[in-house]
């Protein structure tokens, strides 16, 4: 069975992420979407909220699993017994960073393989950061995320705007 891991912060998951998940799920028998938990990084959504959103929007693919991890990716890969990691590339700058990470991970774990999928053209500009900014200012996030995620984003920013100063 060909198993791969698709790691990321997914804060929130976007249509670009889903594009990579859909395409990777056609290549691999099982795909683990793994949320990287970084205690130093402040996120909009909790790990539980992100896991819920990813489970909801990937429900149509029975062979997609959602998990989370802390620490080094190579340690998580070893624990899960997976050797292949999928990464989406939007631009040359993504490639430079991902290439460095792939070589570093290979140095740390000799069986580690990285598979790079080019993002579809319509998502080449899209990032979770852009989505959060659009949502923060009440913009049409439905263009960038599935409806379930759009509702969660709107709820999050309504809570923030009414609960503050």
N, C-alpha and C. Protein backbone atom coordinates (compact mmCIF):
# COMPACT_ATOMS: atom_id res chain seq x y z
N UNK A 1 0.84 -1.18 0.00
CA UNK A 1 0.00 0.00 0.00
C UNK A 1 0.88 1.25 0.00
N UNK A 2 0.59 2.16 -0.91
CA UNK A 2 1.34 3.41 -0.98
C UNK A 2 0.68 4.45 -0.08
N UNK A 3 1.43 4.86 0.94
CA UNK A 3 0.92 5.82 1.93
C UNK A 3 1.80 7.07 1.88
N UNK A 4 1.15 8.23 1.94
CA UNK A 4 1.90 9.49 1.97
C UNK A 4 1.32 10.39 3.05
N UNK A 5 2.12 11.36 3.40
CA UNK A 5 1.76 12.33 4.43
C UNK A 5 1.76 13.72 3.79
N UNK A 6 0.73 14.51 4.10
CA UNK A 6 0.66 15.89 3.63
C UNK A 6 0.63 16.78 4.87
N UNK A 7 1.79 17.32 5.28
CA UNK A 7 1.85 18.14 6.49
C UNK A 7 1.61 19.62 6.21
N UNK A 8 1.16 20.33 7.22
CA UNK A 8 0.99 21.77 7.11
C UNK A 8 0.31 22.31 8.34
N UNK A 9 0.19 23.64 8.40
CA UNK A 9 -0.52 24.23 9.54
C UNK A 9 -2.02 24.30 9.26
N UNK A 10 -2.41 24.45 8.00
CA UNK A 10 -3.82 24.44 7.60
C UNK A 10 -4.65 25.36 8.48
N UNK A 11 -4.23 26.63 8.55
CA UNK A 11 -4.87 27.60 9.46
C UNK A 11 -5.47 28.77 8.68
N UNK A 12 -6.54 28.56 7.91
CA UNK A 12 -7.35 27.36 7.75
C UNK A 12 -6.97 26.59 6.48
N UNK A 13 -7.62 25.45 6.29
CA UNK A 13 -7.46 24.71 5.04
C UNK A 13 -8.13 25.52 3.93
N UNK A 14 -7.49 25.58 2.77
CA UNK A 14 -7.98 26.38 1.64
C UNK A 14 -8.31 25.47 0.46
N UNK A 15 -8.90 26.06 -0.57
CA UNK A 15 -9.17 25.31 -1.80
C UNK A 15 -7.86 24.85 -2.45
N UNK A 16 -6.79 25.59 -2.26
CA UNK A 16 -5.48 25.17 -2.77
C UNK A 16 -5.01 23.91 -2.08
N UNK A 17 -5.16 23.84 -0.75
CA UNK A 17 -4.82 22.62 -0.01
C UNK A 17 -5.67 21.45 -0.51
N UNK A 18 -6.97 21.70 -0.70
CA UNK A 18 -7.86 20.63 -1.15
C UNK A 18 -7.49 20.13 -2.54
N UNK A 19 -7.03 21.03 -3.38
CA UNK A 19 -6.56 20.64 -4.71
C UNK A 19 -5.40 19.65 -4.59
N UNK A 20 -4.46 19.95 -3.72
CA UNK A 20 -3.31 19.05 -3.50
C UNK A 20 -3.79 17.73 -2.90
N UNK A 21 -4.69 17.78 -1.93
CA UNK A 21 -5.21 16.56 -1.30
C UNK A 21 -5.90 15.68 -2.33
N UNK A 22 -6.75 16.29 -3.15
CA UNK A 22 -7.47 15.52 -4.16
C UNK A 22 -6.51 14.85 -5.14
N UNK A 23 -5.54 15.59 -5.60
CA UNK A 23 -4.59 15.04 -6.57
C UNK A 23 -3.68 13.99 -5.94
N UNK A 24 -3.23 14.23 -4.71
CA UNK A 24 -2.38 13.25 -4.02
C UNK A 24 -3.17 11.98 -3.72
N UNK A 25 -4.46 12.13 -3.43
CA UNK A 25 -5.27 10.95 -3.10
C UNK A 25 -5.48 10.05 -4.31
N UNK A 26 -5.25 10.57 -5.51
CA UNK A 26 -5.32 9.74 -6.72
C UNK A 26 -4.02 8.98 -6.95
N UNK A 27 -2.94 9.45 -6.34
CA UNK A 27 -1.62 8.83 -6.51
C UNK A 27 -1.36 7.79 -5.43
N UNK A 28 -1.84 8.06 -4.22
CA UNK A 28 -1.54 7.20 -3.07
C UNK A 28 -2.79 6.47 -2.59
N UNK A 29 -2.58 5.28 -2.04
CA UNK A 29 -3.69 4.48 -1.51
C UNK A 29 -4.25 5.08 -0.23
N UNK A 30 -3.39 5.73 0.52
CA UNK A 30 -3.82 6.39 1.76
C UNK A 30 -3.03 7.68 1.91
N UNK A 31 -3.71 8.73 2.34
CA UNK A 31 -3.07 10.03 2.54
C UNK A 31 -3.38 10.51 3.95
N UNK A 32 -2.33 10.83 4.69
CA UNK A 32 -2.50 11.37 6.04
C UNK A 32 -2.27 12.88 5.97
N UNK A 33 -3.30 13.65 6.25
CA UNK A 33 -3.18 15.11 6.33
C UNK A 33 -2.82 15.40 7.78
N UNK A 34 -1.60 15.89 8.00
CA UNK A 34 -1.08 16.05 9.36
C UNK A 34 -0.83 17.52 9.68
N UNK A 35 -1.49 17.99 10.71
CA UNK A 35 -1.35 19.37 11.16
C UNK A 35 -0.12 19.49 12.04
N UNK A 36 0.77 20.37 11.65
CA UNK A 36 1.95 20.66 12.47
C UNK A 36 1.54 21.61 13.58
N UNK A 37 1.76 21.18 14.81
CA UNK A 37 1.45 22.01 15.98
C UNK A 37 2.75 22.66 16.43
N UNK A 38 2.80 23.98 16.31
CA UNK A 38 3.98 24.73 16.69
C UNK A 38 3.60 25.66 17.84
N UNK A 39 4.06 25.34 19.04
CA UNK A 39 3.69 26.11 20.23
C UNK A 39 4.12 27.57 20.13
N UNK A 40 5.18 27.86 19.37
CA UNK A 40 5.66 29.24 19.24
C UNK A 40 4.83 30.06 18.24
N UNK A 41 4.04 29.40 17.43
CA UNK A 41 3.29 30.09 16.40
C UNK A 41 1.84 30.28 16.85
N UNK A 42 1.40 31.53 16.85
CA UNK A 42 0.01 31.80 17.21
C UNK A 42 -0.87 31.52 15.99
N UNK A 43 -1.91 30.73 16.20
CA UNK A 43 -2.80 30.37 15.11
C UNK A 43 -4.19 30.95 15.37
N UNK A 44 -4.94 31.11 14.31
CA UNK A 44 -6.31 31.59 14.42
C UNK A 44 -7.21 30.49 14.99
N UNK A 45 -7.02 29.27 14.49
CA UNK A 45 -7.84 28.14 14.91
C UNK A 45 -7.02 27.19 15.77
N UNK A 46 -7.69 26.57 16.74
CA UNK A 46 -7.02 25.55 17.56
C UNK A 46 -6.77 24.31 16.71
N UNK A 47 -5.95 23.42 17.20
CA UNK A 47 -5.69 22.15 16.50
C UNK A 47 -7.00 21.40 16.31
N UNK A 48 -7.83 21.36 17.34
CA UNK A 48 -9.10 20.65 17.26
C UNK A 48 -10.01 21.25 16.19
N UNK A 49 -10.04 22.58 16.12
CA UNK A 49 -10.87 23.24 15.10
C UNK A 49 -10.35 22.94 13.71
N UNK A 50 -9.04 22.95 13.55
CA UNK A 50 -8.46 22.65 12.24
C UNK A 50 -8.71 21.20 11.85
N UNK A 51 -8.58 20.28 12.81
CA UNK A 51 -8.85 18.87 12.51
C UNK A 51 -10.31 18.70 12.10
N UNK A 52 -11.22 19.36 12.80
CA UNK A 52 -12.64 19.29 12.47
C UNK A 52 -12.89 19.79 11.04
N UNK A 53 -12.33 20.95 10.70
CA UNK A 53 -12.54 21.51 9.36
C UNK A 53 -11.99 20.58 8.29
N UNK A 54 -10.79 20.05 8.51
CA UNK A 54 -10.18 19.17 7.51
C UNK A 54 -11.00 17.89 7.36
N UNK A 55 -11.42 17.31 8.47
CA UNK A 55 -12.25 16.08 8.40
C UNK A 55 -13.53 16.35 7.61
N UNK A 56 -14.14 17.48 7.90
CA UNK A 56 -15.41 17.81 7.22
C UNK A 56 -15.22 17.96 5.71
N UNK A 57 -14.19 18.69 5.31
CA UNK A 57 -14.04 18.98 3.88
C UNK A 57 -13.34 17.87 3.10
N UNK A 58 -12.80 16.86 3.80
CA UNK A 58 -12.18 15.72 3.10
C UNK A 58 -13.01 14.46 3.26
N UNK A 59 -14.19 14.58 3.81
CA UNK A 59 -15.05 13.43 4.09
C UNK A 59 -15.30 12.56 2.85
N UNK A 60 -15.34 13.17 1.67
CA UNK A 60 -15.64 12.42 0.44
C UNK A 60 -14.55 11.42 0.06
N UNK A 61 -13.35 11.57 0.64
CA UNK A 61 -12.25 10.65 0.35
C UNK A 61 -12.05 9.72 1.55
N UNK A 62 -12.49 8.49 1.41
CA UNK A 62 -12.45 7.55 2.54
C UNK A 62 -11.03 7.18 2.94
N UNK A 63 -10.08 7.34 2.05
CA UNK A 63 -8.69 6.96 2.35
C UNK A 63 -7.83 8.14 2.80
N UNK A 64 -8.48 9.25 3.16
CA UNK A 64 -7.77 10.41 3.71
C UNK A 64 -7.99 10.42 5.23
N UNK A 65 -6.89 10.48 5.96
CA UNK A 65 -6.92 10.48 7.42
C UNK A 65 -6.39 11.84 7.90
N UNK A 66 -6.90 12.31 9.03
CA UNK A 66 -6.44 13.59 9.59
C UNK A 66 -5.78 13.32 10.94
N UNK A 67 -4.62 13.92 11.15
CA UNK A 67 -3.87 13.73 12.38
C UNK A 67 -3.13 15.03 12.70
N UNK A 68 -2.41 15.07 13.80
CA UNK A 68 -1.58 16.23 14.13
C UNK A 68 -0.32 15.75 14.83
N UNK A 69 0.70 16.60 14.81
CA UNK A 69 1.97 16.23 15.45
C UNK A 69 2.71 17.48 15.89
N UNK A 70 3.62 17.27 16.84
CA UNK A 70 4.54 18.32 17.28
C UNK A 70 5.95 17.84 17.00
N UNK A 71 6.87 18.76 16.90
CA UNK A 71 8.27 18.38 16.73
C UNK A 71 8.67 18.23 15.27
N UNK A 72 9.72 17.45 15.07
CA UNK A 72 10.27 17.28 13.72
C UNK A 72 9.38 16.39 12.86
N UNK A 73 9.22 16.79 11.62
CA UNK A 73 8.47 15.99 10.66
C UNK A 73 9.06 14.59 10.52
N UNK A 74 10.39 14.49 10.47
CA UNK A 74 11.02 13.17 10.29
C UNK A 74 10.70 12.24 11.46
N UNK A 75 10.59 12.77 12.66
CA UNK A 75 10.23 11.93 13.81
C UNK A 75 8.80 11.42 13.68
N UNK A 76 7.90 12.29 13.23
CA UNK A 76 6.51 11.88 13.03
C UNK A 76 6.41 10.83 11.92
N UNK A 77 7.14 11.06 10.85
CA UNK A 77 7.17 10.12 9.72
C UNK A 77 7.63 8.74 10.20
N UNK A 78 8.68 8.72 10.99
CA UNK A 78 9.17 7.45 11.54
C UNK A 78 8.11 6.76 12.39
N UNK A 79 7.49 7.53 13.29
CA UNK A 79 6.45 6.96 14.17
C UNK A 79 5.31 6.36 13.37
N UNK A 80 4.93 7.03 12.29
CA UNK A 80 3.80 6.56 11.47
C UNK A 80 4.21 5.49 10.47
N UNK A 81 5.51 5.29 10.28
CA UNK A 81 5.97 4.30 9.31
C UNK A 81 5.73 4.72 7.87
N UNK A 82 5.71 6.02 7.63
CA UNK A 82 5.49 6.58 6.29
C UNK A 82 6.82 7.13 5.80
N UNK A 83 7.09 6.99 4.50
CA UNK A 83 8.36 7.48 3.97
C UNK A 83 8.19 8.60 2.95
N UNK A 84 6.95 8.85 2.53
CA UNK A 84 6.71 9.83 1.48
C UNK A 84 5.89 11.00 2.00
N UNK A 85 6.39 12.20 1.71
CA UNK A 85 5.71 13.43 2.11
C UNK A 85 5.35 14.20 0.85
N UNK A 86 4.12 14.66 0.79
CA UNK A 86 3.62 15.45 -0.34
C UNK A 86 3.68 16.92 0.04
N UNK A 87 4.17 17.73 -0.88
CA UNK A 87 4.20 19.18 -0.68
C UNK A 87 3.66 19.86 -1.93
N UNK A 88 2.87 20.90 -1.74
CA UNK A 88 2.37 21.69 -2.85
C UNK A 88 3.29 22.86 -3.11
N UNK A 89 3.51 23.14 -4.38
CA UNK A 89 4.38 24.26 -4.77
C UNK A 89 3.57 25.29 -5.54
N UNK A 90 3.65 26.55 -5.09
CA UNK A 90 2.95 27.63 -5.77
C UNK A 90 3.88 28.41 -6.69
N UNK A 91 5.11 28.59 -6.27
CA UNK A 91 6.03 29.46 -7.02
C UNK A 91 7.46 28.99 -6.80
N UNK A 92 8.38 29.62 -7.50
CA UNK A 92 9.79 29.28 -7.38
C UNK A 92 10.26 29.43 -5.94
N UNK A 93 9.78 30.44 -5.25
CA UNK A 93 10.19 30.64 -3.85
C UNK A 93 9.77 29.46 -2.98
N UNK A 94 8.58 28.90 -3.23
CA UNK A 94 8.16 27.69 -2.52
C UNK A 94 9.14 26.57 -2.79
N UNK A 95 9.55 26.43 -4.06
CA UNK A 95 10.45 25.34 -4.41
C UNK A 95 11.78 25.46 -3.67
N UNK A 96 12.33 26.65 -3.62
CA UNK A 96 13.62 26.83 -2.95
C UNK A 96 13.54 26.39 -1.49
N UNK A 97 12.51 26.81 -0.80
CA UNK A 97 12.34 26.45 0.60
C UNK A 97 12.10 24.94 0.75
N UNK A 98 11.18 24.41 -0.06
CA UNK A 98 10.83 22.99 0.04
C UNK A 98 12.01 22.10 -0.35
N UNK A 99 12.81 22.53 -1.31
CA UNK A 99 13.99 21.78 -1.72
C UNK A 99 14.98 21.69 -0.55
N UNK A 100 15.21 22.81 0.13
CA UNK A 100 16.09 22.81 1.31
C UNK A 100 15.55 21.89 2.39
N UNK A 101 14.25 21.96 2.64
CA UNK A 101 13.64 21.11 3.67
C UNK A 101 13.73 19.64 3.29
N UNK A 102 13.50 19.33 2.02
CA UNK A 102 13.57 17.94 1.56
C UNK A 102 14.97 17.38 1.76
N UNK A 103 15.99 18.16 1.42
CA UNK A 103 17.37 17.71 1.59
C UNK A 103 17.72 17.55 3.07
N UNK A 104 17.25 18.47 3.89
CA UNK A 104 17.49 18.37 5.34
C UNK A 104 16.81 17.13 5.90
N UNK A 105 15.56 16.91 5.52
CA UNK A 105 14.83 15.74 6.00
C UNK A 105 15.48 14.44 5.53
N UNK A 106 15.97 14.43 4.31
CA UNK A 106 16.66 13.24 3.79
C UNK A 106 17.93 12.98 4.59
N UNK A 107 18.62 14.05 4.98
CA UNK A 107 19.83 13.92 5.81
C UNK A 107 19.49 13.30 7.17
N UNK A 108 18.34 13.69 7.71
CA UNK A 108 17.91 13.20 9.02
C UNK A 108 17.30 11.80 8.97
N UNK A 109 16.77 11.43 7.79
CA UNK A 109 16.09 10.14 7.63
C UNK A 109 16.30 9.68 6.19
N UNK A 110 17.19 8.72 6.00
CA UNK A 110 17.65 8.35 4.66
C UNK A 110 16.54 7.83 3.74
N UNK A 111 15.44 7.31 4.30
CA UNK A 111 14.36 6.78 3.46
C UNK A 111 13.28 7.82 3.16
N UNK A 112 13.48 9.03 3.62
CA UNK A 112 12.51 10.12 3.46
C UNK A 112 12.44 10.54 1.99
N UNK A 113 11.24 10.55 1.42
CA UNK A 113 11.04 11.02 0.04
C UNK A 113 10.05 12.17 0.03
N UNK A 114 10.32 13.16 -0.78
CA UNK A 114 9.40 14.28 -0.96
C UNK A 114 8.83 14.23 -2.36
N UNK A 115 7.53 14.37 -2.46
CA UNK A 115 6.84 14.43 -3.75
C UNK A 115 6.25 15.83 -3.85
N UNK A 116 6.64 16.55 -4.89
CA UNK A 116 6.16 17.92 -5.08
C UNK A 116 5.06 17.94 -6.14
N UNK A 117 3.93 18.55 -5.79
CA UNK A 117 2.85 18.73 -6.75
C UNK A 117 2.69 20.23 -7.00
N UNK A 118 2.69 20.59 -8.25
CA UNK A 118 2.48 21.99 -8.61
C UNK A 118 1.01 22.34 -8.36
N UNK A 119 0.79 23.46 -7.73
CA UNK A 119 -0.57 23.92 -7.47
C UNK A 119 -1.24 24.23 -8.80
N UNK A 120 -2.52 23.94 -8.89
CA UNK A 120 -3.28 24.32 -10.08
C UNK A 120 -3.24 25.84 -10.23
N UNK A 121 -3.28 26.30 -11.48
CA UNK A 121 -3.13 27.73 -11.76
C UNK A 121 -4.06 28.62 -10.94
N UNK A 122 -5.31 28.19 -10.77
CA UNK A 122 -6.27 29.06 -10.07
C UNK A 122 -5.96 29.24 -8.59
N UNK A 123 -5.02 28.42 -8.06
CA UNK A 123 -4.66 28.54 -6.64
C UNK A 123 -3.22 28.97 -6.44
N UNK A 124 -2.54 29.35 -7.49
CA UNK A 124 -1.10 29.65 -7.40
C UNK A 124 -0.80 30.83 -6.47
N UNK A 125 -1.74 31.72 -6.28
CA UNK A 125 -1.55 32.91 -5.44
C UNK A 125 -2.05 32.70 -4.02
N UNK A 126 -2.78 31.62 -3.79
CA UNK A 126 -3.56 31.45 -2.56
C UNK A 126 -2.73 30.93 -1.39
N UNK A 127 -2.92 31.54 -0.24
CA UNK A 127 -2.29 31.06 0.99
C UNK A 127 -3.28 31.26 2.14
N UNK A 128 -3.08 30.50 3.21
CA UNK A 128 -3.94 30.65 4.39
C UNK A 128 -3.81 32.06 4.97
N UNK A 129 -2.63 32.65 4.85
CA UNK A 129 -2.41 34.02 5.34
C UNK A 129 -3.31 35.00 4.60
N UNK A 130 -3.37 34.87 3.27
CA UNK A 130 -4.24 35.74 2.46
C UNK A 130 -5.69 35.54 2.87
N UNK A 131 -6.09 34.29 3.05
CA UNK A 131 -7.47 33.98 3.44
C UNK A 131 -7.81 34.63 4.79
N UNK A 132 -6.91 34.52 5.75
CA UNK A 132 -7.16 35.13 7.07
C UNK A 132 -7.30 36.65 6.95
N UNK A 133 -6.48 37.27 6.12
CA UNK A 133 -6.57 38.73 5.94
C UNK A 133 -7.88 39.13 5.30
N UNK A 134 -8.31 38.39 4.28
CA UNK A 134 -9.59 38.68 3.63
C UNK A 134 -10.72 38.53 4.64
N UNK A 135 -10.68 37.46 5.42
CA UNK A 135 -11.72 37.21 6.43
C UNK A 135 -11.74 38.30 7.50
N UNK A 136 -10.57 38.73 7.91
CA UNK A 136 -10.46 39.74 8.97
C UNK A 136 -11.20 41.03 8.59
N UNK A 137 -11.17 41.35 7.30
CA UNK A 137 -11.81 42.58 6.84
C UNK A 137 -13.18 42.34 6.21
N UNK A 138 -13.74 41.15 6.47
CA UNK A 138 -15.10 40.86 6.01
C UNK A 138 -15.24 40.58 4.54
N UNK A 139 -14.14 40.23 3.88
CA UNK A 139 -14.18 39.94 2.44
C UNK A 139 -14.80 38.59 2.12
N UNK A 140 -15.00 38.32 0.82
CA UNK A 140 -15.67 37.09 0.38
C UNK A 140 -14.75 35.86 0.41
N UNK A 141 -14.56 35.29 1.58
CA UNK A 141 -13.66 34.13 1.73
C UNK A 141 -14.17 32.90 0.99
N UNK A 142 -15.47 32.90 0.63
CA UNK A 142 -16.05 31.76 -0.11
C UNK A 142 -15.31 31.50 -1.41
N UNK A 143 -14.61 32.49 -1.91
CA UNK A 143 -13.83 32.32 -3.15
C UNK A 143 -12.61 31.44 -2.92
N UNK A 144 -12.18 31.30 -1.68
CA UNK A 144 -10.89 30.67 -1.39
C UNK A 144 -10.96 29.42 -0.53
N UNK A 145 -12.09 29.21 0.14
CA UNK A 145 -12.22 28.07 1.06
C UNK A 145 -13.59 27.41 0.86
N UNK A 146 -13.72 26.14 1.26
CA UNK A 146 -15.03 25.48 1.20
C UNK A 146 -16.04 26.19 2.11
N UNK A 147 -17.34 26.05 1.83
CA UNK A 147 -18.38 26.73 2.61
C UNK A 147 -18.28 26.49 4.12
N UNK A 148 -17.98 25.28 4.54
CA UNK A 148 -17.87 24.96 5.97
C UNK A 148 -16.77 25.80 6.63
N UNK A 149 -15.66 25.92 5.95
CA UNK A 149 -14.52 26.70 6.47
C UNK A 149 -14.87 28.19 6.46
N UNK A 150 -15.56 28.64 5.41
CA UNK A 150 -15.97 30.05 5.33
C UNK A 150 -16.83 30.43 6.54
N UNK A 151 -17.76 29.54 6.90
CA UNK A 151 -18.61 29.81 8.07
C UNK A 151 -17.78 29.89 9.35
N UNK A 152 -16.82 28.99 9.50
CA UNK A 152 -15.96 28.99 10.69
C UNK A 152 -15.13 30.28 10.75
N UNK A 153 -14.63 30.72 9.60
CA UNK A 153 -13.85 31.96 9.54
C UNK A 153 -14.71 33.15 9.94
N UNK A 154 -15.91 33.22 9.37
CA UNK A 154 -16.80 34.34 9.69
C UNK A 154 -17.13 34.36 11.17
N UNK A 155 -17.39 33.19 11.73
CA UNK A 155 -17.69 33.10 13.15
C UNK A 155 -16.52 33.55 14.00
N UNK A 156 -15.33 33.18 13.59
CA UNK A 156 -14.13 33.53 14.35
C UNK A 156 -13.94 35.04 14.36
N UNK A 157 -14.12 35.70 13.22
CA UNK A 157 -13.89 37.14 13.17
C UNK A 157 -15.06 37.93 13.75
N UNK A 158 -16.27 37.39 13.73
CA UNK A 158 -17.38 38.05 14.43
C UNK A 158 -17.12 38.02 15.93
N UNK A 159 -16.62 36.89 16.41
CA UNK A 159 -16.28 36.75 17.83
C UNK A 159 -15.20 37.75 18.22
N UNK A 160 -14.16 37.86 17.37
CA UNK A 160 -13.06 38.78 17.67
C UNK A 160 -13.50 40.23 17.63
N UNK A 161 -14.35 40.58 16.66
CA UNK A 161 -14.71 41.99 16.52
C UNK A 161 -15.71 42.43 17.60
N UNK A 162 -16.52 41.49 18.13
CA UNK A 162 -17.50 41.88 19.15
C UNK A 162 -16.97 41.69 20.57
N UNK A 163 -15.92 40.91 20.71
CA UNK A 163 -15.46 40.61 22.05
C UNK A 163 -14.33 41.49 22.54
N UNK A 164 -13.83 42.39 21.74
CA UNK A 164 -12.64 43.17 22.11
C UNK A 164 -12.94 44.49 22.74
N UNK A 165 -12.13 45.47 22.44
CA UNK A 165 -12.16 46.80 23.02
C UNK A 165 -13.50 47.40 22.88
